[in-house]
Amino acid sequence: MGNLGFQEILLIAVVILVLFGGRKIPEFMRGLGKGIREFNDAKSNVQKELEEGMNEKDKAPAKTTTTQQ
């Protein structure tokens, strides 16, 4: 995909304005922002849980087997 120039961005903006209208765009952007924020929160939670799991694995004492005779 090539680089977008000014004319392409302007055309996309006009199409969005025609499709959604001036009043719906702020609602659309607000929803998009909330979605991105929720995605980033979920991503950081998963990363945190993975790191905690790795730390627990490293801290767990090694199991030793003893044989009784």
Protein backbone atom coordinates (compact mmCIF):
# COMPACT_ATOMS: atom_id res chain seq x y z
CA MET A 1 0.00 0.00 0.00
CA GLY A 2 1.43 3.35 -1.01
CA ASN A 3 1.68 6.48 1.03
CA LEU A 4 -1.49 8.52 1.36
CA GLY A 5 -1.22 12.04 0.01
CA PHE A 6 -3.24 15.11 0.90
CA GLN A 7 -5.81 14.52 -1.86
CA GLU A 8 -6.49 10.95 -0.76
CA ILE A 9 -6.91 11.96 2.89
CA LEU A 10 -9.21 14.83 1.86
CA LEU A 11 -11.32 12.45 -0.25
CA ILE A 12 -11.63 9.98 2.64
CA ALA A 13 -12.64 12.80 5.00
CA VAL A 14 -15.33 14.01 2.59
CA VAL A 15 -16.72 10.49 2.16
CA ILE A 16 -16.88 10.01 5.94
CA LEU A 17 -18.58 13.39 6.35
CA VAL A 18 -21.18 12.48 3.72
CA LEU A 19 -21.83 9.00 5.14
CA PHE A 20 -22.04 9.90 8.82
CA GLY A 21 -22.96 13.57 8.82
CA GLY A 22 -21.47 16.27 11.00
CA ARG A 23 -23.33 15.27 14.15
CA LYS A 24 -22.41 11.59 14.14
CA ILE A 25 -18.66 12.01 13.68
CA PRO A 26 -17.93 13.07 17.31
CA GLU A 27 -19.95 10.10 18.59
CA PHE A 28 -18.11 7.80 16.19
CA MET A 29 -14.71 9.12 17.29
CA ARG A 30 -15.66 8.87 20.96
CA GLY A 31 -16.68 5.25 20.48
CA LEU A 32 -13.51 4.54 18.55
CA GLY A 33 -11.43 6.07 21.34
CA LYS A 34 -13.21 3.99 23.98
CA GLY A 35 -12.66 0.84 21.93
CA ILE A 36 -8.95 1.53 21.52
CA ARG A 37 -8.63 2.32 25.25
CA GLU A 38 -10.38 -0.93 26.21
CA PHE A 39 -8.18 -2.90 23.82
CA ASN A 40 -5.01 -1.39 25.30
CA ASP A 41 -6.26 -2.07 28.85
CA ALA A 42 -6.97 -5.71 27.99
CA LYS A 43 -3.59 -6.04 26.30
CA SER A 44 -1.76 -4.64 29.33
CA ASN A 45 -3.75 -6.92 31.68
CA VAL A 46 -2.78 -10.00 29.66
CA GLN A 47 0.85 -8.90 29.58
CA LYS A 48 0.80 -8.29 33.35
CA GLU A 49 -0.71 -11.73 34.02
CA LEU A 50 1.89 -13.42 31.81
CA GLU A 51 4.72 -11.63 33.60
CA GLU A 52 3.26 -12.57 37.01
CA GLY A 53 2.99 -16.19 35.91
CA MET A 54 6.60 -16.22 34.74
CA ASN A 55 7.73 -14.66 38.05
CA GLU A 56 5.77 -17.27 40.03
CA LYS A 57 7.37 -20.03 37.99
CA ASP A 58 10.84 -18.63 38.66
CA LYS A 59 10.17 -18.22 42.41
CA ALA A 60 8.66 -21.70 42.90
CA PRO A 61 11.08 -24.06 44.63
CA ALA A 62 12.33 -26.92 42.54
CA LYS A 63 10.65 -30.19 43.43
CA THR A 64 13.03 -32.73 44.83
CA THR A 65 12.20 -36.34 44.88
CA THR A 66 13.30 -38.40 47.80
CA THR A 67 13.25 -42.11 47.79
CA GLN A 68 12.55 -44.03 50.92
CA GLN A 69 14.19 -47.39 51.39
